[in-house]
Protein backbone atom coordinates (compact mmCIF):
# COMPACT_ATOMS: atom_id res chain seq x y z
CA UNK A 1 128.35 120.80 70.69
CA UNK A 2 132.15 121.31 70.89
CA UNK A 3 131.82 122.25 74.51
CA UNK A 4 129.92 119.09 75.24
CA UNK A 5 132.19 116.84 73.59
CA UNK A 6 135.29 118.52 75.35
CA UNK A 7 133.43 117.87 78.65
CA UNK A 8 132.77 114.22 77.83
CA UNK A 9 136.43 113.80 77.04
CA UNK A 10 137.36 115.67 80.35
CA UNK A 11 136.15 112.66 82.38
CA UNK A 12 136.84 109.94 79.95
CA UNK A 13 139.61 108.16 82.02
CA UNK A 14 138.37 109.39 85.36
CA UNK A 15 138.29 106.84 88.27
CA UNK A 16 136.65 107.44 91.64
CA UNK A 17 138.77 106.82 94.68
CA UNK A 18 137.85 104.15 97.18
CA UNK A 19 136.80 106.85 99.62
CA UNK A 20 134.67 108.62 97.01
CA UNK A 21 132.77 105.36 96.04
CA UNK A 22 132.23 104.71 99.72
CA UNK A 23 130.47 108.17 99.90
CA UNK A 24 128.24 107.42 96.85
CA UNK A 25 127.29 103.91 98.57
CA UNK A 26 126.54 105.59 101.77
CA UNK A 27 124.17 107.99 99.73
CA UNK A 28 122.65 104.96 98.18
CA UNK A 29 122.07 103.23 101.37
CA UNK A 30 120.33 106.54 102.70
CA UNK A 31 118.05 106.49 99.41
CA UNK A 32 117.30 102.66 100.23
CA UNK A 33 116.49 103.53 103.84
CA UNK A 34 114.04 106.20 102.84
CA UNK A 35 112.56 104.10 100.11
CA UNK A 36 111.63 101.20 102.53
CA UNK A 37 109.22 103.29 104.45
CA UNK A 38 107.37 104.60 101.36
CA UNK A 39 107.39 101.27 99.57
CA UNK A 40 106.14 99.43 102.70
CA UNK A 41 103.10 101.97 102.81
CA UNK A 42 101.96 101.55 99.20
CA UNK A 43 102.63 97.71 98.94
CA UNK A 44 101.02 97.22 102.49
CA UNK A 45 103.78 94.58 103.13
CA UNK A 46 107.05 94.61 104.97
CA UNK A 47 109.67 95.74 102.49
CA UNK A 48 113.52 95.50 102.47
CA UNK A 49 115.82 97.23 99.93
CA UNK A 50 119.36 96.05 99.78
CA UNK A 51 122.02 97.94 97.80
CA UNK A 52 124.33 95.15 96.49
CA UNK A 53 126.68 97.30 94.61
CA UNK A 54 127.38 100.87 93.36
CA UNK A 55 129.82 102.36 90.82
CA UNK A 56 130.23 104.87 88.43
CA UNK A 57 130.81 103.61 84.91
CA UNK A 58 129.77 103.89 81.28
CA UNK A 59 126.18 102.80 80.47
CA UNK A 60 127.79 100.68 77.70
CA UNK A 61 128.52 98.30 80.71
CA UNK A 62 125.01 97.84 81.83
CA UNK A 63 124.23 94.55 79.91
CA UNK A 64 127.15 92.84 81.66
CA UNK A 65 125.17 93.16 84.86
CA UNK A 66 122.63 90.72 83.57
CA UNK A 67 123.11 87.00 83.26
CA UNK A 68 121.76 87.07 79.73
CA UNK A 69 122.47 90.00 77.35
CA UNK A 70 119.22 89.48 75.79
CA UNK A 71 117.28 89.53 79.07
CA UNK A 72 113.74 90.84 78.97
CA UNK A 73 113.53 93.68 81.44
CA UNK A 74 110.96 96.18 82.50
CA UNK A 75 112.39 99.80 82.12
CA UNK A 76 111.24 102.86 83.93
CA UNK A 77 112.29 106.12 82.45
CA UNK A 78 112.12 109.42 84.66
CA UNK A 79 113.52 112.53 83.10
CA UNK A 80 114.77 114.95 85.87
CA UNK A 81 112.75 118.16 85.90
CA UNK A 82 114.70 121.23 84.53
CA UNK A 83 117.68 118.87 83.70
CA UNK A 84 117.19 118.02 79.98
CA UNK A 85 120.25 115.85 79.95
CA UNK A 86 119.90 113.93 83.17
CA UNK A 87 117.50 111.02 83.79
CA UNK A 88 117.03 108.12 86.14
CA UNK A 89 116.47 104.69 84.25
CA UNK A 90 115.60 101.66 86.07
CA UNK A 91 115.78 98.06 84.87
CA UNK A 92 113.99 94.97 86.50
CA UNK A 93 114.01 91.54 85.37
CA UNK A 94 110.74 90.53 83.89
CA UNK A 95 110.58 87.22 85.85
CA UNK A 96 111.00 89.10 89.19
CA UNK A 97 108.51 91.79 88.34
CA UNK A 98 105.91 89.24 87.31
CA UNK A 99 106.43 87.31 90.52
CA UNK A 100 106.08 90.42 92.66
CA UNK A 101 102.86 91.15 90.71
CA UNK A 102 101.61 87.80 91.56
CA UNK A 103 102.04 88.02 95.28
CA UNK A 104 100.67 91.40 95.64
CA UNK A 105 97.50 90.66 93.40
CA UNK A 106 94.29 88.98 94.62
CA UNK A 107 93.69 87.93 91.00
CA UNK A 108 94.72 84.69 89.39
CA UNK A 109 98.41 84.53 88.82
CA UNK A 110 99.79 85.81 85.50
CA UNK A 111 102.32 84.07 83.38
CA UNK A 112 105.44 85.66 82.04
CA UNK A 113 104.79 83.99 78.71
CA UNK A 114 101.52 85.87 78.44
CA UNK A 115 103.07 89.35 78.92
CA UNK A 116 104.65 90.49 75.61
CA UNK A 117 104.32 94.18 76.30
CA UNK A 118 103.24 96.61 79.01
CA UNK A 119 99.83 96.81 77.55
CA UNK A 120 99.28 93.16 78.51
CA UNK A 121 99.42 94.24 82.18
CA UNK A 122 96.36 95.37 83.88
CA UNK A 123 96.16 98.86 85.24
CA UNK A 124 96.94 97.91 88.83
CA UNK A 125 99.94 95.94 87.86
CA UNK A 126 101.28 98.84 85.72
CA UNK A 127 100.54 101.32 88.72
CA UNK A 128 102.47 99.05 91.12
CA UNK A 129 105.64 98.92 88.89
CA UNK A 130 105.68 102.55 88.02
CA UNK A 131 105.10 103.75 91.76
CA UNK A 132 108.02 101.36 92.83
CA UNK A 133 110.18 102.98 90.25
CA UNK A 134 108.83 106.47 91.08
CA UNK A 135 109.69 105.94 94.82
CA UNK A 136 113.18 104.50 94.07
CA UNK A 137 114.09 107.24 91.69
CA UNK A 138 113.05 110.11 94.05
CA UNK A 139 114.81 108.69 96.95
CA UNK A 140 118.10 107.95 95.17
CA UNK A 141 118.00 111.24 93.42
CA UNK A 142 117.38 113.15 96.78
CA UNK A 143 120.25 111.50 98.43
CA UNK A 144 122.62 112.51 95.61
CA UNK A 145 121.16 116.03 95.47
CA UNK A 146 121.68 116.49 99.08
CA UNK A 147 125.46 115.91 98.67
CA UNK A 148 125.39 118.79 96.09
CA UNK A 149 122.93 121.04 98.00
CA UNK A 150 120.59 121.14 94.92
CA UNK A 151 117.16 119.86 93.99
CA UNK A 152 116.69 116.80 91.68
CA UNK A 153 113.16 115.92 91.02
CA UNK A 154 112.19 113.00 88.71
CA UNK A 155 109.27 113.58 86.39
CA UNK A 156 106.41 111.28 85.53
CA UNK A 157 107.88 107.79 84.87
CA UNK A 158 107.31 106.04 81.55
CA UNK A 159 107.29 102.16 81.54
CA UNK A 160 108.44 99.75 78.96
CA UNK A 161 109.06 96.10 78.36
CA UNK A 162 111.90 94.95 76.09
CA UNK A 163 115.25 93.24 75.97
CA UNK A 164 118.03 95.09 77.55
CA UNK A 165 120.19 95.72 74.43
CA UNK A 166 117.19 97.29 72.58
CA UNK A 167 116.60 99.61 75.62
CA UNK A 168 120.12 100.59 75.53
CA UNK A 169 120.16 101.58 72.00
CA UNK A 170 117.72 104.31 72.81
CA UNK A 171 119.67 105.34 75.93
CA UNK A 172 122.93 105.61 73.90
CA UNK A 173 121.24 107.55 71.16
CA UNK A 174 119.80 109.98 73.70
CA UNK A 175 122.77 110.53 76.04
CA UNK A 176 126.04 109.49 74.36
CA UNK A 177 126.89 113.08 73.14
CA UNK A 178 126.40 114.62 76.44
CA UNK A 179 127.64 112.14 79.09
CA UNK A 180 129.34 108.72 78.96
CA UNK A 181 129.07 108.16 82.75
CA UNK A 182 126.21 106.60 84.91
CA UNK A 183 125.91 105.86 88.54
CA UNK A 184 124.75 102.23 88.56
CA UNK A 185 123.04 101.00 91.66
CA UNK A 186 122.11 97.18 91.85
CA UNK A 187 119.35 96.72 94.29
CA UNK A 188 117.38 93.76 95.64
CA UNK A 189 113.82 94.59 96.87
CA UNK A 190 112.31 91.93 99.10
CA UNK A 191 108.64 91.56 99.68
CA UNK A 192 107.29 88.39 101.45
CA UNK A 193 109.32 85.51 99.97
CA UNK A 194 109.77 87.23 96.59
CA UNK A 195 112.94 89.25 95.37
CA UNK A 196 112.88 91.90 92.87
CA UNK A 197 116.22 92.39 91.07
CA UNK A 198 116.94 95.77 89.67
CA UNK A 199 119.43 98.19 88.33
CA UNK A 200 119.07 101.84 88.93
CA UNK A 201 120.99 103.91 86.43
CA UNK A 202 121.51 107.62 87.16
CA UNK A 203 122.70 109.46 84.03
CA UNK A 204 124.10 112.91 85.10
CA UNK A 205 124.38 115.92 82.80
CA UNK A 206 127.80 117.42 82.54
CA UNK A 207 126.66 120.16 84.72
CA UNK A 208 125.57 117.70 87.45
CA UNK A 209 128.79 115.59 86.86
CA UNK A 210 130.81 118.67 87.49
CA UNK A 211 129.00 119.57 90.73
CA UNK A 212 129.22 116.01 91.99
CA UNK A 213 133.02 115.87 91.52
CA UNK A 214 133.39 119.32 93.03
CA UNK A 215 131.35 118.09 96.08
CA UNK A 216 133.42 115.01 96.44
CA UNK A 217 136.59 117.15 96.16
CA UNK A 218 135.61 119.33 99.02
CA UNK A 219 134.66 116.39 101.12
CA UNK A 220 138.00 114.74 100.64
CA UNK A 221 140.05 117.83 99.98
CA UNK A 222 141.14 116.76 96.39
CA UNK A 223 141.69 118.58 93.35
CA UNK A 224 140.27 116.40 90.40
């Protein structure tokens, strides 16, 4: 435990340079590009994935990325295989998810007011959301892993629906002792005339964080 606390403190005041952030954004764009093909195949529609921003910051900052701190969101949790302290967590606004389901479904449109929990969705709708999350998590993880010459494979995703603060309580309880940093990627997924607004949160273990900084140091000949 002491070692973990020491490592967390090690990066407490760390700030990435503009060049390092540009590299991470480039990796994010690569992940987006790879995801487009896979998403277009499973959704059977033309898909565009835009990366609107990327930063490395504390996951305490996540609620500020939503217009309403109490926004209801769908959360998709993917534990990285063989990395107990690393995960990919995705948040998509409830409204945009419902809109996407409605344009992809041949059934009668569903209302957001009727969806109080994941169990209120039919199996097809749940599968669509989970598969979107699975593809995005896999491609962004692969892009990051390529920089470090390692493998990062997301496990089976878990889906939840709750307000953003309630979800964050569980994240903070789970990860605050091993990492205070997260790579936050804001994305917009466009299908037909509908946009799915999401935040992809890559929470690295201390080991992965060390490897990431070493890879960036080598790329930019730094000593951080």
